[in-house]
Amino acid sequence: MIVIEKFKKYKIVDRIYKVSNLGRIYNTETGKEIFGMATLKGYRRMYFNNRPAGKKANKFLHVIVAELFVNKIDNAEEVNHKDSNRLNNVFSNLEWLTRADNIRHSFREGNKNHIGNNNPNSKHKQSNKLINRVYQQPSHSNMEGSEASKSCNTGITPSGVKWGTPIK
């Protein structure tokens, strides 16, 4: 399928830019394409400035393209990349989703795996490391799961060892 590149005007910081349905932006004063920068999370962030007026702004490219070329559905507040490629800002790869639907898409595509210990906010990482150390000890090799759970809650193992105590 051949896609014809179309442009729409986009005003920001009192300047007019041309935005393409293929995810390109041109400064109408200079005719030059502006590229922005990729963020640490992989999104393309565009920087706009109007030095004489002392104004500047920045915005994600996929949001600009979606605002101009993708029909927004009710309650949708986030723009999703259908193919999970955050640098593919072609209008046909973008869709408006609710926050919940965008998160579901991320998990379904394997972009997020923040369940249990993979969650950076997990409070059980340290406990699980200690449980693994306890399980490796011969005197605790027959520990049942419920005993391990109880140990996590009380901070003391069945043999009376306090969590955090170095095990030799």
Protein backbone atom coordinates (compact mmCIF):
# COMPACT_ATOMS: atom_id res chain seq x y z
CA MET A 1 0.00 0.00 0.00
CA ILE A 2 1.42 3.35 -1.03
CA VAL A 3 0.88 6.19 1.43
CA ILE A 4 0.94 9.73 0.11
CA GLU A 5 2.63 12.18 2.42
CA LYS A 6 0.25 14.92 3.53
CA PHE A 7 1.03 17.99 5.59
CA LYS A 8 -0.95 20.04 8.08
CA LYS A 9 -0.02 23.29 9.77
CA TYR A 10 0.84 23.20 13.45
CA LYS A 11 1.23 26.32 15.56
CA ILE A 12 3.41 26.31 18.66
CA VAL A 13 5.41 29.14 20.33
CA ASP A 14 3.82 31.59 17.88
CA ARG A 15 5.42 29.88 14.88
CA ILE A 16 3.93 27.72 12.16
CA TYR A 17 5.38 24.29 11.35
CA LYS A 18 4.39 21.75 8.73
CA VAL A 19 3.71 18.28 10.15
CA SER A 20 3.58 15.22 7.91
CA ASN A 21 1.32 12.19 8.34
CA LEU A 22 4.57 10.19 8.04
CA GLY A 23 5.98 11.77 11.20
CA ARG A 24 8.17 14.57 9.84
CA ILE A 25 8.17 18.24 10.87
CA TYR A 26 9.43 21.23 8.89
CA ASN A 27 10.08 24.77 10.00
CA THR A 28 8.07 26.91 7.56
CA GLU A 29 10.43 29.90 7.93
CA THR A 30 13.60 28.00 7.00
CA GLY A 31 12.10 25.06 5.09
CA LYS A 32 14.34 22.71 7.08
CA GLU A 33 13.23 19.50 8.70
CA ILE A 34 13.57 19.44 12.47
CA PHE A 35 14.47 16.16 14.12
CA GLY A 36 14.30 16.63 17.88
CA MET A 37 15.96 14.02 20.07
CA ALA A 38 15.19 10.50 21.22
CA THR A 39 14.48 10.29 24.95
CA LEU A 40 15.91 7.58 27.20
CA LYS A 41 12.61 5.72 26.86
CA GLY A 42 12.86 5.83 23.06
CA TYR A 43 10.32 8.51 22.16
CA ARG A 44 11.16 11.37 19.80
CA ARG A 45 10.84 14.70 21.62
CA MET A 46 10.59 17.83 19.48
CA TYR A 47 11.96 21.16 20.70
CA PHE A 48 10.45 24.42 19.52
CA ASN A 49 11.69 27.92 20.24
CA ASN A 50 10.98 31.48 19.24
CA ARG A 51 14.00 33.33 20.55
CA PRO A 52 12.82 36.85 19.65
CA ALA A 53 9.61 36.28 21.62
CA GLY A 54 11.42 34.38 24.39
CA LYS A 55 9.15 31.36 24.04
CA LYS A 56 10.03 27.71 23.95
CA ALA A 57 8.22 24.40 24.23
CA ASN A 58 8.74 20.69 23.69
CA LYS A 59 6.36 17.93 22.77
CA PHE A 60 6.49 14.28 21.72
CA LEU A 61 6.33 13.78 17.96
CA HIS A 62 3.82 10.92 18.16
CA VAL A 63 1.40 13.13 20.10
CA ILE A 64 1.66 15.93 17.51
CA VAL A 65 1.05 13.52 14.61
CA ALA A 66 -1.88 11.89 16.42
CA GLU A 67 -3.45 15.26 17.25
CA LEU A 68 -3.42 16.19 13.56
CA PHE A 69 -4.03 12.89 11.74
CA VAL A 70 -5.62 10.30 14.08
CA ASN A 71 -9.26 10.42 15.18
CA LYS A 72 -9.43 10.71 18.95
CA ILE A 73 -11.92 8.43 20.69
CA ASP A 74 -13.88 9.40 23.80
CA ASN A 75 -11.94 9.16 27.09
CA ALA A 76 -8.66 8.48 25.25
CA GLU A 77 -5.78 10.42 26.72
CA GLU A 78 -2.66 8.63 25.47
CA VAL A 79 -1.18 7.87 22.08
CA ASN A 80 -0.07 4.27 21.54
CA HIS A 81 2.40 2.92 18.97
CA LYS A 82 0.61 -0.14 17.57
CA ASP A 83 3.87 -1.90 16.63
CA SER A 84 5.58 -0.86 19.92
CA ASN A 85 8.33 0.91 17.94
CA ARG A 86 8.45 4.30 19.64
CA LEU A 87 10.32 5.85 16.71
CA ASN A 88 7.69 4.79 14.15
CA ASN A 89 5.55 7.91 14.19
CA VAL A 90 3.59 7.27 10.99
CA PHE A 91 -0.09 8.12 11.54
CA SER A 92 -1.26 4.59 10.65
CA ASN A 93 0.89 3.19 13.49
CA LEU A 94 -0.67 5.48 16.11
CA GLU A 95 -3.92 5.18 18.02
CA TRP A 96 -5.58 7.00 20.90
CA LEU A 97 -6.17 4.81 23.97
CA THR A 98 -7.19 5.19 27.56
CA ARG A 99 -4.39 4.85 30.11
CA ALA A 100 -5.64 1.38 31.08
CA ASP A 101 -5.79 0.16 27.47
CA ASN A 102 -2.31 1.53 26.78
CA ILE A 103 -0.91 -0.36 29.78
CA ARG A 104 -2.69 -3.56 28.67
CA HIS A 105 -1.16 -3.16 25.21
CA SER A 106 2.30 -2.79 26.75
CA PHE A 107 1.97 -6.00 28.76
CA ARG A 108 0.45 -7.89 25.81
CA GLU A 109 3.34 -6.84 23.54
CA GLY A 110 5.92 -7.71 26.20
CA ASN A 111 7.11 -4.13 26.69
CA LYS A 112 6.34 -4.27 30.39
CA ASN A 113 6.93 -7.06 32.85
CA HIS A 114 6.56 -5.26 36.14
CA ILE A 115 4.94 -8.13 38.01
CA GLY A 116 6.30 -9.25 41.37
CA ASN A 117 10.04 -8.83 41.73
CA ASN A 118 10.30 -7.24 38.27
CA ASN A 119 8.42 -4.23 39.58
CA PRO A 120 10.98 -1.54 40.44
CA ASN A 121 8.82 -0.61 43.46
CA SER A 122 8.63 -4.16 44.82
CA LYS A 123 9.01 -4.26 48.59
CA HIS A 124 9.73 -7.99 48.53
CA LYS A 125 13.00 -8.00 46.59
CA GLN A 126 15.16 -8.04 49.71
CA SER A 127 12.92 -10.62 51.43
CA ASN A 128 13.02 -12.91 48.39
CA LYS A 129 16.82 -12.70 48.23
CA LEU A 130 16.96 -13.71 51.87
CA ILE A 131 14.44 -16.53 51.36
CA ASN A 132 16.56 -17.88 48.53
CA ARG A 133 19.62 -17.77 50.80
CA VAL A 134 17.72 -19.58 53.56
CA TYR A 135 16.46 -22.27 51.16
CA GLN A 136 20.03 -22.92 50.09
CA GLN A 137 21.08 -23.74 53.65
CA PRO A 138 21.07 -27.45 54.55
CA SER A 139 19.33 -26.87 57.89
CA HIS A 140 16.40 -25.19 56.10
CA SER A 141 16.18 -27.38 53.02
CA ASN A 142 12.83 -28.84 54.15
CA MET A 143 11.21 -25.45 54.84
CA GLU A 144 7.62 -25.32 53.60
CA GLY A 145 6.27 -22.34 51.64
CA SER A 146 4.00 -21.33 54.54
CA GLU A 147 7.03 -21.28 56.86
CA ALA A 148 8.90 -19.06 54.42
CA SER A 149 5.90 -16.73 54.23
CA LYS A 150 5.62 -16.59 58.02
CA SER A 151 9.34 -15.86 58.18
CA CYS A 152 8.86 -12.92 55.84
CA ASN A 153 6.11 -11.50 58.03
CA THR A 154 7.92 -11.94 61.36
CA GLY A 155 11.48 -11.40 60.18
CA ILE A 156 12.62 -14.63 61.88
CA THR A 157 13.23 -18.01 60.24
CA PRO A 158 11.92 -21.29 61.74
CA SER A 159 15.34 -21.94 63.24
CA GLY A 160 15.37 -18.52 64.91
CA VAL A 161 17.73 -16.75 62.48
CA LYS A 162 16.82 -13.06 62.12
CA TRP A 163 16.57 -11.71 58.58
CA GLY A 164 19.70 -9.91 57.45
CA THR A 165 21.95 -12.01 59.65
CA PRO A 166 24.81 -13.30 57.49
CA ILE A 167 24.47 -17.04 56.94
CA LYS A 168 27.73 -18.92 56.67
